[in-house]
């Protein structure tokens, strides 16, 4: 029986850790989590905030995900969108999900990310 989602992993190209660390840690405010030594040799980064875990794995044949994406719930969506835009990230609002405000953006390597906040 599945009881929870443990983490989401996105792919990233070799050598992108510095840009990803700045974005996921600095811009999004996630805490970097040390990878176990046996996995750290593969490169990539792990981030977390509360129960949310996001892993970035290095893929030599990397292609950004333009459709598949994690949906990250945010408190204070307007301010969060302004924060991302202030760091040069594109913010694309989408009003199609009932009961939520949301927007899409991309990480520094082109992976799609959804940010949403319930309304009401």
PDB file of N, CA and C in Angstrom:
ATOM      1  N   UNK A   1       0.841  -1.172   0.000  1.00  0.00           N
ATOM      2  CA  UNK A   1       0.000   0.000   0.000  1.00  0.00           C
ATOM      3  C   UNK A   1       0.890   1.239   0.000  1.00  0.00           C
ATOM      4  N   UNK A   2       0.627   2.176  -0.895  1.00  0.00           N
ATOM      5  CA  UNK A   2       1.360   3.440  -0.946  1.00  0.00           C
ATOM      6  C   UNK A   2       0.805   4.364   0.128  1.00  0.00           C
ATOM      7  N   UNK A   3       1.699   4.975   0.900  1.00  0.00           N
ATOM      8  CA  UNK A   3       1.259   5.847   1.990  1.00  0.00           C
ATOM      9  C   UNK A   3       1.647   7.309   1.797  1.00  0.00           C
ATOM     10  N   UNK A   4       2.627   7.591   0.946  1.00  0.00           N
ATOM     11  CA  UNK A   4       3.058   8.974   0.739  1.00  0.00           C
ATOM     12  C   UNK A   4       3.969   9.039  -0.477  1.00  0.00           C
ATOM     13  N   UNK A   5       4.139  10.224  -0.975  1.00  0.00           N
ATOM     14  CA  UNK A   5       5.127  10.467  -2.019  1.00  0.00           C
ATOM     15  C   UNK A   5       6.415  10.863  -1.311  1.00  0.00           C
ATOM     16  N   UNK A   6       7.476  10.096  -1.501  1.00  0.00           N
ATOM     17  CA  UNK A   6       8.727  10.351  -0.806  1.00  0.00           C
ATOM     18  C   UNK A   6       9.501  11.514  -1.417  1.00  0.00           C
ATOM     19  N   UNK A   7       9.636  11.532  -2.736  1.00  0.00           N
ATOM     20  CA  UNK A   7      10.357  12.611  -3.404  1.00  0.00           C
ATOM     21  C   UNK A   7      10.027  12.612  -4.889  1.00  0.00           C
ATOM     22  N   UNK A   8      10.400  13.694  -5.538  1.00  0.00           N
ATOM     23  CA  UNK A   8      10.322  13.805  -6.992  1.00  0.00           C
ATOM     24  C   UNK A   8      11.737  14.034  -7.475  1.00  0.00           C
ATOM     25  N   UNK A   9      12.117  13.364  -8.552  1.00  0.00           N
ATOM     26  CA  UNK A   9      13.441  13.599  -9.135  1.00  0.00           C
ATOM     27  C   UNK A   9      13.284  14.192 -10.527  1.00  0.00           C
ATOM     28  N   UNK A  10      14.067  15.229 -10.766  1.00  0.00           N
ATOM     29  CA  UNK A  10      14.173  15.839 -12.079  1.00  0.00           C
ATOM     30  C   UNK A  10      15.582  15.597 -12.599  1.00  0.00           C
ATOM     31  N   UNK A  11      15.721  15.545 -13.892  1.00  0.00           N
ATOM     32  CA  UNK A  11      17.034  15.357 -14.502  1.00  0.00           C
ATOM     33  C   UNK A  11      17.687  16.714 -14.746  1.00  0.00           C
ATOM     34  N   UNK A  12      19.008  16.691 -14.833  1.00  0.00           N
ATOM     35  CA  UNK A  12      19.786  17.896 -15.102  1.00  0.00           C
ATOM     36  C   UNK A  12      21.046  17.502 -15.864  1.00  0.00           C
ATOM     37  N   UNK A  13      21.606  18.424 -16.636  1.00  0.00           N
ATOM     38  CA  UNK A  13      22.811  18.096 -17.400  1.00  0.00           C
ATOM     39  C   UNK A  13      24.063  18.105 -16.524  1.00  0.00           C
ATOM     40  N   UNK A  14      25.088  17.382 -16.939  1.00  0.00           N
ATOM     41  CA  UNK A  14      26.355  17.404 -16.205  1.00  0.00           C
ATOM     42  C   UNK A  14      26.876  18.836 -16.064  1.00  0.00           C
ATOM     43  N   UNK A  15      27.437  19.125 -14.902  1.00  0.00           N
ATOM     44  CA  UNK A  15      28.033  20.434 -14.660  1.00  0.00           C
ATOM     45  C   UNK A  15      27.066  21.531 -14.270  1.00  0.00           C
ATOM     46  N   UNK A  16      25.796  21.207 -14.020  1.00  0.00           N
ATOM     47  CA  UNK A  16      24.797  22.236 -13.727  1.00  0.00           C
ATOM     48  C   UNK A  16      24.555  22.453 -12.234  1.00  0.00           C
ATOM     49  N   UNK A  17      25.293  21.766 -11.381  1.00  0.00           N
ATOM     50  CA  UNK A  17      25.021  21.830  -9.943  1.00  0.00           C
ATOM     51  C   UNK A  17      25.097  23.251  -9.372  1.00  0.00           C
ATOM     52  N   UNK A  18      26.043  24.062  -9.816  1.00  0.00           N
ATOM     53  CA  UNK A  18      26.166  25.416  -9.272  1.00  0.00           C
ATOM     54  C   UNK A  18      24.911  26.238  -9.570  1.00  0.00           C
ATOM     55  N   UNK A  19      24.429  26.197 -10.805  1.00  0.00           N
ATOM     56  CA  UNK A  19      23.219  26.941 -11.174  1.00  0.00           C
ATOM     57  C   UNK A  19      21.995  26.381 -10.445  1.00  0.00           C
ATOM     58  N   UNK A  20      21.923  25.072 -10.307  1.00  0.00           N
ATOM     59  CA  UNK A  20      20.784  24.456  -9.624  1.00  0.00           C
ATOM     60  C   UNK A  20      20.794  24.784  -8.138  1.00  0.00           C
ATOM     61  N   UNK A  21      21.958  24.776  -7.534  1.00  0.00           N
ATOM     62  CA  UNK A  21      22.085  25.121  -6.112  1.00  0.00           C
ATOM     63  C   UNK A  21      21.623  26.570  -5.885  1.00  0.00           C
ATOM     64  N   UNK A  22      22.038  27.473  -6.754  1.00  0.00           N
ATOM     65  CA  UNK A  22      21.641  28.877  -6.618  1.00  0.00           C
ATOM     66  C   UNK A  22      20.129  29.035  -6.769  1.00  0.00           C
ATOM     67  N   UNK A  23      19.537  28.306  -7.699  1.00  0.00           N
ATOM     68  CA  UNK A  23      18.103  28.435  -7.961  1.00  0.00           C
ATOM     69  C   UNK A  23      17.262  27.750  -6.876  1.00  0.00           C
ATOM     70  N   UNK A  24      17.477  26.452  -6.682  1.00  0.00           N
ATOM     71  CA  UNK A  24      16.634  25.707  -5.742  1.00  0.00           C
ATOM     72  C   UNK A  24      16.892  26.113  -4.296  1.00  0.00           C
ATOM     73  N   UNK A  25      18.139  26.387  -3.966  1.00  0.00           N
ATOM     74  CA  UNK A  25      18.459  26.822  -2.612  1.00  0.00           C
ATOM     75  C   UNK A  25      18.237  28.309  -2.408  1.00  0.00           C
ATOM     76  N   UNK A  26      18.827  29.129  -3.287  1.00  0.00           N
ATOM     77  CA  UNK A  26      18.763  30.575  -3.122  1.00  0.00           C
ATOM     78  C   UNK A  26      17.436  31.199  -3.506  1.00  0.00           C
ATOM     79  N   UNK A  27      16.942  30.889  -4.686  1.00  0.00           N
ATOM     80  CA  UNK A  27      15.713  31.516  -5.179  1.00  0.00           C
ATOM     81  C   UNK A  27      14.469  30.867  -4.569  1.00  0.00           C
ATOM     82  N   UNK A  28      14.382  29.530  -4.619  1.00  0.00           N
ATOM     83  CA  UNK A  28      13.190  28.849  -4.099  1.00  0.00           C
ATOM     84  C   UNK A  28      13.219  28.692  -2.581  1.00  0.00           C
ATOM     85  N   UNK A  29      14.393  28.784  -1.972  1.00  0.00           N
ATOM     86  CA  UNK A  29      14.481  28.698  -0.515  1.00  0.00           C
ATOM     87  C   UNK A  29      14.436  27.295   0.053  1.00  0.00           C
ATOM     88  N   UNK A  30      14.752  26.293  -0.770  1.00  0.00           N
ATOM     89  CA  UNK A  30      14.813  24.922  -0.267  1.00  0.00           C
ATOM     90  C   UNK A  30      16.182  24.676   0.370  1.00  0.00           C
ATOM     91  N   UNK A  31      16.225  23.808   1.364  1.00  0.00           N
ATOM     92  CA  UNK A  31      17.483  23.469   2.031  1.00  0.00           C
ATOM     93  C   UNK A  31      18.137  22.304   1.300  1.00  0.00           C
ATOM     94  N   UNK A  32      19.421  22.429   1.041  1.00  0.00           N
ATOM     95  CA  UNK A  32      20.139  21.317   0.425  1.00  0.00           C
ATOM     96  C   UNK A  32      20.339  20.217   1.459  1.00  0.00           C
ATOM     97  N   UNK A  33      20.092  18.985   1.036  1.00  0.00           N
ATOM     98  CA  UNK A  33      20.237  17.811   1.889  1.00  0.00           C
ATOM     99  C   UNK A  33      21.429  17.012   1.372  1.00  0.00           C
ATOM    100  N   UNK A  34      22.377  16.657   2.247  1.00  0.00           N
ATOM    101  CA  UNK A  34      23.510  15.865   1.766  1.00  0.00           C
ATOM    102  C   UNK A  34      23.056  14.517   1.215  1.00  0.00           C
ATOM    103  N   UNK A  35      23.615  14.153   0.080  1.00  0.00           N
ATOM    104  CA  UNK A  35      23.320  12.840  -0.495  1.00  0.00           C
ATOM    105  C   UNK A  35      24.169  11.791   0.211  1.00  0.00           C
ATOM    106  N   UNK A  36      23.671  10.571   0.330  1.00  0.00           N
ATOM    107  CA  UNK A  36      24.503   9.505   0.882  1.00  0.00           C
ATOM    108  C   UNK A  36      25.771   9.363   0.031  1.00  0.00           C
ATOM    109  N   UNK A  37      26.918   9.072   0.653  1.00  0.00           N
ATOM    110  CA  UNK A  37      28.184   9.004  -0.088  1.00  0.00           C
ATOM    111  C   UNK A  37      28.143   8.116  -1.333  1.00  0.00           C
ATOM    112  N   UNK A  38      27.476   6.986  -1.262  1.00  0.00           N
ATOM    113  CA  UNK A  38      27.422   6.087  -2.419  1.00  0.00           C
ATOM    114  C   UNK A  38      26.686   6.718  -3.593  1.00  0.00           C
ATOM    115  N   UNK A  39      25.748   7.631  -3.316  1.00  0.00           N
ATOM    116  CA  UNK A  39      24.995   8.302  -4.374  1.00  0.00           C
ATOM    117  C   UNK A  39      25.619   9.633  -4.776  1.00  0.00           C
ATOM    118  N   UNK A  40      26.359  10.261  -3.868  1.00  0.00           N
ATOM    119  CA  UNK A  40      26.974  11.555  -4.159  1.00  0.00           C
ATOM    120  C   UNK A  40      27.960  11.459  -5.314  1.00  0.00           C
ATOM    121  N   UNK A  41      28.565  10.303  -5.488  1.00  0.00           N
ATOM    122  CA  UNK A  41      29.529  10.110  -6.585  1.00  0.00           C
ATOM    123  C   UNK A  41      28.875  10.290  -7.950  1.00  0.00           C
ATOM    124  N   UNK A  42      27.555  10.170  -8.018  1.00  0.00           N
ATOM    125  CA  UNK A  42      26.833  10.322  -9.284  1.00  0.00           C
ATOM    126  C   UNK A  42      26.583  11.775  -9.648  1.00  0.00           C
ATOM    127  N   UNK A  43      26.911  12.701  -8.749  1.00  0.00           N
ATOM    128  CA  UNK A  43      26.590  14.102  -8.972  1.00  0.00           C
ATOM    129  C   UNK A  43      25.149  14.387  -8.627  1.00  0.00           C
ATOM    130  N   UNK A  44      24.704  15.579  -8.919  1.00  0.00           N
ATOM    131  CA  UNK A  44      23.331  15.962  -8.623  1.00  0.00           C
ATOM    132  C   UNK A  44      23.198  16.518  -7.225  1.00  0.00           C
ATOM    133  N   UNK A  45      21.975  16.910  -6.884  1.00  0.00           N
ATOM    134  CA  UNK A  45      21.692  17.562  -5.610  1.00  0.00           C
ATOM    135  C   UNK A  45      20.339  17.109  -5.079  1.00  0.00           C
ATOM    136  N   UNK A  46      20.198  17.140  -3.768  1.00  0.00           N
ATOM    137  CA  UNK A  46      18.912  16.892  -3.124  1.00  0.00           C
ATOM    138  C   UNK A  46      18.528  18.121  -2.319  1.00  0.00           C
ATOM    139  N   UNK A  47      17.227  18.465  -2.351  1.00  0.00           N
ATOM    140  CA  UNK A  47      16.703  19.595  -1.589  1.00  0.00           C
ATOM    141  C   UNK A  47      15.447  19.162  -0.851  1.00  0.00           C
ATOM    142  N   UNK A  48      15.141  19.891   0.238  1.00  0.00           N
ATOM    143  CA  UNK A  48      13.936  19.575   1.006  1.00  0.00           C
ATOM    144  C   UNK A  48      13.457  20.824   1.739  1.00  0.00           C
ATOM    145  N   UNK A  49      12.176  20.812   2.054  1.00  0.00           N
ATOM    146  CA  UNK A  49      11.567  21.784   2.955  1.00  0.00           C
ATOM    147  C   UNK A  49      10.370  21.084   3.561  1.00  0.00           C
ATOM    148  N   UNK A  50      10.404  20.856   4.868  1.00  0.00           N
ATOM    149  CA  UNK A  50       9.356  20.082   5.516  1.00  0.00           C
ATOM    150  C   UNK A  50       9.314  18.687   4.911  1.00  0.00           C
ATOM    151  N   UNK A  51       8.137  18.252   4.495  1.00  0.00           N
ATOM    152  CA  UNK A  51       7.968  16.925   3.906  1.00  0.00           C
ATOM    153  C   UNK A  51       8.244  16.889   2.407  1.00  0.00           C
ATOM    154  N   UNK A  52       8.522  18.034   1.804  1.00  0.00           N
ATOM    155  CA  UNK A  52       8.762  18.106   0.363  1.00  0.00           C
ATOM    156  C   UNK A  52      10.228  17.817   0.070  1.00  0.00           C
ATOM    157  N   UNK A  53      10.478  16.827  -0.768  1.00  0.00           N
ATOM    158  CA  UNK A  53      11.838  16.517  -1.202  1.00  0.00           C
ATOM    159  C   UNK A  53      11.903  16.567  -2.718  1.00  0.00           C
ATOM    160  N   UNK A  54      12.951  17.209  -3.216  1.00  0.00           N
ATOM    161  CA  UNK A  54      13.163  17.302  -4.646  1.00  0.00           C
ATOM    162  C   UNK A  54      14.610  16.907  -4.920  1.00  0.00           C
ATOM    163  N   UNK A  55      14.791  15.908  -5.773  1.00  0.00           N
ATOM    164  CA  UNK A  55      16.122  15.434  -6.134  1.00  0.00           C
ATOM    165  C   UNK A  55      16.419  15.828  -7.570  1.00  0.00           C
ATOM    166  N   UNK A  56      17.647  16.221  -7.824  1.00  0.00           N
ATOM    167  CA  UNK A  56      18.093  16.566  -9.169  1.00  0.00           C
ATOM    168  C   UNK A  56      19.216  15.610  -9.528  1.00  0.00           C
ATOM    169  N   UNK A  57      18.944  14.742 -10.490  1.00  0.00           N
ATOM    170  CA  UNK A  57      19.909  13.732 -10.899  1.00  0.00           C
ATOM    171  C   UNK A  57      20.580  14.110 -12.207  1.00  0.00           C
ATOM    172  N   UNK A  58      21.855  13.853 -12.292  1.00  0.00           N
ATOM    173  CA  UNK A  58      22.616  14.181 -13.492  1.00  0.00           C
ATOM    174  C   UNK A  58      22.375  13.115 -14.562  1.00  0.00           C
ATOM    175  N   UNK A  59      22.032  13.583 -15.750  1.00  0.00           N
ATOM    176  CA  UNK A  59      21.763  12.707 -16.886  1.00  0.00           C
ATOM    177  C   UNK A  59      22.612  13.180 -18.066  1.00  0.00           C
ATOM    178  N   UNK A  60      23.589  12.366 -18.507  1.00  0.00           N
ATOM    179  CA  UNK A  60      24.428  12.781 -19.632  1.00  0.00           C
ATOM    180  C   UNK A  60      23.647  13.043 -20.919  1.00  0.00           C
ATOM    181  N   UNK A  61      22.466  12.426 -21.054  1.00  0.00           N
ATOM    182  CA  UNK A  61      21.614  12.627 -22.230  1.00  0.00           C
ATOM    183  C   UNK A  61      20.434  13.540 -21.898  1.00  0.00           C
ATOM    184  N   UNK A  62      20.659  14.498 -21.012  1.00  0.00           N
ATOM    185  CA  UNK A  62      19.605  15.370 -20.501  1.00  0.00           C
ATOM    186  C   UNK A  62      18.819  16.079 -21.600  1.00  0.00           C
ATOM    187  N   UNK A  63      17.503  16.057 -21.420  1.00  0.00           N
ATOM    188  CA  UNK A  63      16.567  16.888 -22.176  1.00  0.00           C
ATOM    189  C   UNK A  63      15.567  17.433 -21.158  1.00  0.00           C
ATOM    190  N   UNK A  64      15.344  18.740 -21.117  1.00  0.00           N
ATOM    191  CA  UNK A  64      14.436  19.288 -20.106  1.00  0.00           C
ATOM    192  C   UNK A  64      13.020  18.764 -20.274  1.00  0.00           C
ATOM    193  N   UNK A  65      12.329  18.669 -19.153  1.00  0.00           N
ATOM    194  CA  UNK A  65      10.944  18.227 -19.156  1.00  0.00           C
ATOM    195  C   UNK A  65      10.043  19.443 -19.319  1.00  0.00           C
ATOM    196  N   UNK A  66       9.366  19.538 -20.473  1.00  0.00           N
ATOM    197  CA  UNK A  66       8.497  20.679 -20.744  1.00  0.00           C
ATOM    198  C   UNK A  66       7.037  20.401 -20.403  1.00  0.00           C
ATOM    199  N   UNK A  67       6.689  19.147 -20.165  1.00  0.00           N
ATOM    200  CA  UNK A  67       5.306  18.804 -19.823  1.00  0.00           C
ATOM    201  C   UNK A  67       5.240  18.225 -18.402  1.00  0.00           C
ATOM    202  N   UNK A  68       5.951  17.138 -18.157  1.00  0.00           N
ATOM    203  CA  UNK A  68       5.965  16.551 -16.814  1.00  0.00           C
ATOM    204  C   UNK A  68       6.605  17.548 -15.860  1.00  0.00           C
ATOM    205  N   UNK A  69       6.080  17.622 -14.624  1.00  0.00           N
ATOM    206  CA  UNK A  69       6.581  18.613 -13.681  1.00  0.00           C
ATOM    207  C   UNK A  69       6.113  18.312 -12.269  1.00  0.00           C
ATOM    208  N   UNK A  70       6.851  18.791 -11.269  1.00  0.00           N
ATOM    209  CA  UNK A  70       6.311  18.753  -9.912  1.00  0.00           C
ATOM    210  C   UNK A  70       5.403  19.951  -9.699  1.00  0.00           C
ATOM    211  N   UNK A  71       4.373  19.779  -8.907  1.00  0.00           N
ATOM    212  CA  UNK A  71       3.503  20.877  -8.494  1.00  0.00           C
ATOM    213  C   UNK A  71       3.867  21.234  -7.066  1.00  0.00           C
ATOM    214  N   UNK A  72       4.369  22.428  -6.857  1.00  0.00           N
ATOM    215  CA  UNK A  72       4.850  22.856  -5.550  1.00  0.00           C
ATOM    216  C   UNK A  72       3.861  23.841  -4.934  1.00  0.00           C
ATOM    217  N   UNK A  73       3.290  23.466  -3.795  1.00  0.00           N
ATOM    218  CA  UNK A  73       2.311  24.319  -3.131  1.00  0.00           C
ATOM    219  C   UNK A  73       3.041  25.439  -2.403  1.00  0.00           C
ATOM    220  N   UNK A  74       2.503  26.648  -2.560  1.00  0.00           N
ATOM    221  CA  UNK A  74       3.135  27.860  -2.049  1.00  0.00           C
ATOM    222  C   UNK A  74       2.132  28.633  -1.197  1.00  0.00           C
ATOM    223  N   UNK A  75       2.637  29.296  -0.162  1.00  0.00           N
ATOM    224  CA  UNK A  75       1.850  30.265   0.592  1.00  0.00           C
ATOM    225  C   UNK A  75       2.345  31.634   0.157  1.00  0.00           C
ATOM    226  N   UNK A  76       1.430  32.518  -0.234  1.00  0.00           N
ATOM    227  CA  UNK A  76       1.822  33.839  -0.722  1.00  0.00           C
ATOM    228  C   UNK A  76       2.290  33.774  -2.167  1.00  0.00           C
ATOM    229  N   UNK A  77       1.431  33.251  -3.022  1.00  0.00           N
ATOM    230  CA  UNK A  77       1.789  32.981  -4.412  1.00  0.00           C
ATOM    231  C   UNK A  77       2.214  34.231  -5.182  1.00  0.00           C
ATOM    232  N   UNK A  78       1.513  35.336  -4.991  1.00  0.00           N
ATOM    233  CA  UNK A  78       1.865  36.579  -5.701  1.00  0.00           C
ATOM    234  C   UNK A  78       3.289  37.015  -5.368  1.00  0.00           C
ATOM    235  N   UNK A  79       3.623  37.024  -4.089  1.00  0.00           N
ATOM    236  CA  UNK A  79       4.969  37.426  -3.669  1.00  0.00           C
ATOM    237  C   UNK A  79       6.009  36.440  -4.175  1.00  0.00           C
ATOM    238  N   UNK A  80       5.653  35.161  -4.193  1.00  0.00           N
ATOM    239  CA  UNK A  80       6.581  34.142  -4.675  1.00  0.00           C
ATOM    240  C   UNK A  80       6.840  34.326  -6.169  1.00  0.00           C
ATOM    241  N   UNK A  81       5.785  34.633  -6.930  1.00  0.00           N
ATOM    242  CA  UNK A  81       5.945  34.889  -8.363  1.00  0.00           C
ATOM    243  C   UNK A  81       6.832  36.109  -8.586  1.00  0.00           C
ATOM    244  N   UNK A  82       6.630  37.150  -7.786  1.00  0.00           N
ATOM    245  CA  UNK A  82       7.464  38.354  -7.909  1.00  0.00           C
ATOM    246  C   UNK A  82       8.916  38.043  -7.582  1.00  0.00           C
ATOM    247  N   UNK A  83       9.136  37.191  -6.598  1.00  0.00           N
ATOM    248  CA  UNK A  83      10.502  36.785  -6.230  1.00  0.00           C
ATOM    249  C   UNK A  83      11.185  36.099  -7.409  1.00  0.00           C
ATOM    250  N   UNK A  84      10.482  35.136  -8.033  1.00  0.00           N
ATOM    251  CA  UNK A  84      11.061  34.438  -9.176  1.00  0.00           C
ATOM    252  C   UNK A  84      11.326  35.397 -10.333  1.00  0.00           C
ATOM    253  N   UNK A  85      10.358  36.251 -10.634  1.00  0.00           N
ATOM    254  CA  UNK A  85      10.527  37.214 -11.720  1.00  0.00           C
ATOM    255  C   UNK A  85      11.698  38.150 -11.435  1.00  0.00           C
ATOM    256  N   UNK A  86      11.869  38.518 -10.173  1.00  0.00           N
ATOM    257  CA  UNK A  86      12.980  39.373  -9.786  1.00  0.00           C
ATOM    258  C   UNK A  86      14.338  38.728  -9.989  1.00  0.00           C
ATOM    259  N   UNK A  87      14.357  37.408 -10.031  1.00  0.00           N
ATOM    260  CA  UNK A  87      15.591  36.662 -10.300  1.00  0.00           C
ATOM    261  C   UNK A  87      15.701  36.278 -11.779  1.00  0.00           C
ATOM    262  N   UNK A  88      14.841  36.850 -12.605  1.00  0.00           N
ATOM    263  CA  UNK A  88      14.919  36.620 -14.045  1.00  0.00           C
ATOM    264  C   UNK A  88      14.167  35.413 -14.554  1.00  0.00           C
ATOM    265  N   UNK A  89      13.416  34.747 -13.686  1.00  0.00           N
ATOM    266  CA  UNK A  89      12.645  33.577 -14.123  1.00  0.00           C
ATOM    267  C   UNK A  89      11.339  34.018 -14.775  1.00  0.00           C
ATOM    268  N   UNK A  90      10.943  33.332 -15.829  1.00  0.00           N
ATOM    269  CA  UNK A  90       9.670  33.609 -16.482  1.00  0.00           C
ATOM    270  C   UNK A  90       8.540  33.065 -15.610  1.00  0.00           C
ATOM    271  N   UNK A  91       7.473  33.824 -15.474  1.00  0.00           N
ATOM    272  CA  UNK A  91       6.285  33.429 -14.715  1.00  0.00           C
ATOM    273  C   UNK A  91       5.109  33.451 -15.680  1.00  0.00           C
ATOM    274  N   UNK A  92       4.474  32.297 -15.874  1.00  0.00           N
ATOM    275  CA  UNK A  92       3.342  32.175 -16.793  1.00  0.00           C
ATOM    276  C   UNK A  92       2.116  31.758 -15.985  1.00  0.00           C
ATOM    277  N   UNK A  93       1.203  32.693 -15.789  1.00  0.00           N
ATOM    278  CA  UNK A  93      -0.003  32.423 -14.999  1.00  0.00           C
ATOM    279  C   UNK A  93      -0.972  31.538 -15.777  1.00  0.00           C
ATOM    280  N   UNK A  94      -1.692  30.701 -15.035  1.00  0.00           N
ATOM    281  CA  UNK A  94      -2.667  29.791 -15.631  1.00  0.00           C
ATOM    282  C   UNK A  94      -3.863  29.710 -14.690  1.00  0.00           C
ATOM    283  N   UNK A  95      -5.040  30.057 -15.170  1.00  0.00           N
ATOM    284  CA  UNK A  95      -6.233  30.063 -14.334  1.00  0.00           C
ATOM    285  C   UNK A  95      -7.164  28.889 -14.565  1.00  0.00           C
ATOM    286  N   UNK A  96      -6.662  27.790 -15.095  1.00  0.00           N
ATOM    287  CA  UNK A  96      -7.528  26.679 -15.491  1.00  0.00           C
ATOM    288  C   UNK A  96      -7.831  25.673 -14.393  1.00  0.00           C
ATOM    289  N   UNK A  97      -7.165  25.745 -13.242  1.00  0.00           N
ATOM    290  CA  UNK A  97      -7.384  24.759 -12.181  1.00  0.00           C
ATOM    291  C   UNK A  97      -8.346  25.327 -11.144  1.00  0.00           C
ATOM    292  N   UNK A  98      -9.585  24.807 -11.079  1.00  0.00           N
ATOM    293  CA  UNK A  98     -10.566  25.338 -10.124  1.00  0.00           C
ATOM    294  C   UNK A  98     -10.040  25.258  -8.687  1.00  0.00           C
ATOM    295  N   UNK A  99     -10.324  26.322  -7.932  1.00  0.00           N
ATOM    296  CA  UNK A  99      -9.959  26.344  -6.522  1.00  0.00           C
ATOM    297  C   UNK A  99      -8.509  26.673  -6.238  1.00  0.00           C
ATOM    298  N   UNK A 100      -7.761  27.034  -7.267  1.00  0.00           N
ATOM    299  CA  UNK A 100      -6.338  27.333  -7.088  1.00  0.00           C
ATOM    300  C   UNK A 100      -5.927  28.525  -7.948  1.00  0.00           C
ATOM    301  N   UNK A 101      -4.893  29.214  -7.505  1.00  0.00           N
ATOM    302  CA  UNK A 101      -4.150  30.145  -8.352  1.00  0.00           C
ATOM    303  C   UNK A 101      -2.844  29.439  -8.620  1.00  0.00           C
ATOM    304  N   UNK A 102      -2.341  29.577  -9.835  1.00  0.00           N
ATOM    305  CA  UNK A 102      -1.091  28.897 -10.145  1.00  0.00           C
ATOM    306  C   UNK A 102      -0.361  29.566 -11.296  1.00  0.00           C
ATOM    307  N   UNK A 103       0.927  29.266 -11.349  1.00  0.00           N
ATOM    308  CA  UNK A 103       1.747  29.686 -12.472  1.00  0.00           C
ATOM    309  C   UNK A 103       2.797  28.627 -12.748  1.00  0.00           C
ATOM    310  N   UNK A 104       3.342  28.710 -13.951  1.00  0.00           N
ATOM    311  CA  UNK A 104       4.424  27.815 -14.360  1.00  0.00           C
ATOM    312  C   UNK A 104       5.692  28.635 -14.540  1.00  0.00           C
ATOM    313  N   UNK A 105       6.803  27.977 -14.339  1.00  0.00           N
ATOM    314  CA  UNK A 105       8.101  28.576 -14.561  1.00  0.00           C
ATOM    315  C   UNK A 105       9.050  27.447 -14.951  1.00  0.00           C
ATOM    316  N   UNK A 106      10.312  27.776 -15.145  1.00  0.00           N
ATOM    317  CA  UNK A 106      11.324  26.764 -15.466  1.00  0.00           C
ATOM    318  C   UNK A 106      12.535  26.965 -14.586  1.00  0.00           C
ATOM    319  N   UNK A 107      13.200  25.869 -14.280  1.00  0.00           N
ATOM    320  CA  UNK A 107      14.456  25.978 -13.540  1.00  0.00           C
ATOM    321  C   UNK A 107      15.570  26.380 -14.512  1.00  0.00           C
ATOM    322  N   UNK A 108      16.795  26.586 -14.046  1.00  0.00           N
ATOM    323  CA  UNK A 108      17.860  27.079 -14.932  1.00  0.00           C
ATOM    324  C   UNK A 108      18.224  26.153 -16.086  1.00  0.00           C
ATOM    325  N   UNK A 109      17.826  24.868 -16.010  1.00  0.00           N
ATOM    326  CA  UNK A 109      18.142  23.947 -17.106  1.00  0.00           C
ATOM    327  C   UNK A 109      16.930  23.649 -17.975  1.00  0.00           C
ATOM    328  N   UNK A 110      15.806  24.342 -17.715  1.00  0.00           N
ATOM    329  CA  UNK A 110      14.635  24.232 -18.580  1.00  0.00           C
ATOM    330  C   UNK A 110      13.553  23.278 -18.129  1.00  0.00           C
ATOM    331  N   UNK A 111      13.656  22.675 -16.937  1.00  0.00           N
ATOM    332  CA  UNK A 111      12.590  21.813 -16.441  1.00  0.00           C
ATOM    333  C   UNK A 111      11.391  22.642 -16.011  1.00  0.00           C
ATOM    334  N   UNK A 112      10.196  22.192 -16.378  1.00  0.00           N
ATOM    335  CA  UNK A 112       8.959  22.881 -16.030  1.00  0.00           C
ATOM    336  C   UNK A 112       8.642  22.674 -14.544  1.00  0.00           C
ATOM    337  N   UNK A 113       8.203  23.737 -13.886  1.00  0.00           N
ATOM    338  CA  UNK A 113       7.776  23.691 -12.490  1.00  0.00           C
ATOM    339  C   UNK A 113       6.435  24.403 -12.371  1.00  0.00           C
ATOM    340  N   UNK A 114       5.532  23.822 -11.580  1.00  0.00           N
ATOM    341  CA  UNK A 114       4.245  24.441 -11.311  1.00  0.00           C
ATOM    342  C   UNK A 114       4.230  24.893  -9.855  1.00  0.00           C
ATOM    343  N   UNK A 115       3.757  26.119  -9.627  1.00  0.00           N
ATOM    344  CA  UNK A 115       3.614  26.659  -8.272  1.00  0.00           C
ATOM    345  C   UNK A 115       2.154  26.995  -8.095  1.00  0.00           C
ATOM    346  N   UNK A 116       1.520  26.497  -7.013  1.00  0.00           N
ATOM    347  CA  UNK A 116       0.095  26.714  -6.838  1.00  0.00           C
ATOM    348  C   UNK A 116      -0.265  26.961  -5.403  1.00  0.00           C
ATOM    349  N   UNK A 117      -1.403  27.661  -5.229  1.00  0.00           N
ATOM    350  CA  UNK A 117      -1.926  27.976  -3.906  1.00  0.00           C
ATOM    351  C   UNK A 117      -3.441  27.840  -3.956  1.00  0.00           C
ATOM    352  N   UNK A 118      -4.019  27.071  -3.015  1.00  0.00           N
ATOM    353  CA  UNK A 118      -5.475  26.982  -2.972  1.00  0.00           C
ATOM    354  C   UNK A 118      -6.085  28.344  -2.644  1.00  0.00           C
ATOM    355  N   UNK A 119      -7.285  28.607  -3.163  1.00  0.00           N
ATOM    356  CA  UNK A 119      -8.001  29.841  -2.853  1.00  0.00           C
ATOM    357  C   UNK A 119      -9.222  29.505  -2.028  1.00  0.00           C
ATOM    358  N   UNK A 120      -9.618  30.470  -1.176  1.00  0.00           N
ATOM    359  CA  UNK A 120     -10.835  30.300  -0.402  1.00  0.00           C
ATOM    360  C   UNK A 120     -10.686  29.548   0.879  1.00  0.00           C
TER     361      UNK A 120
END
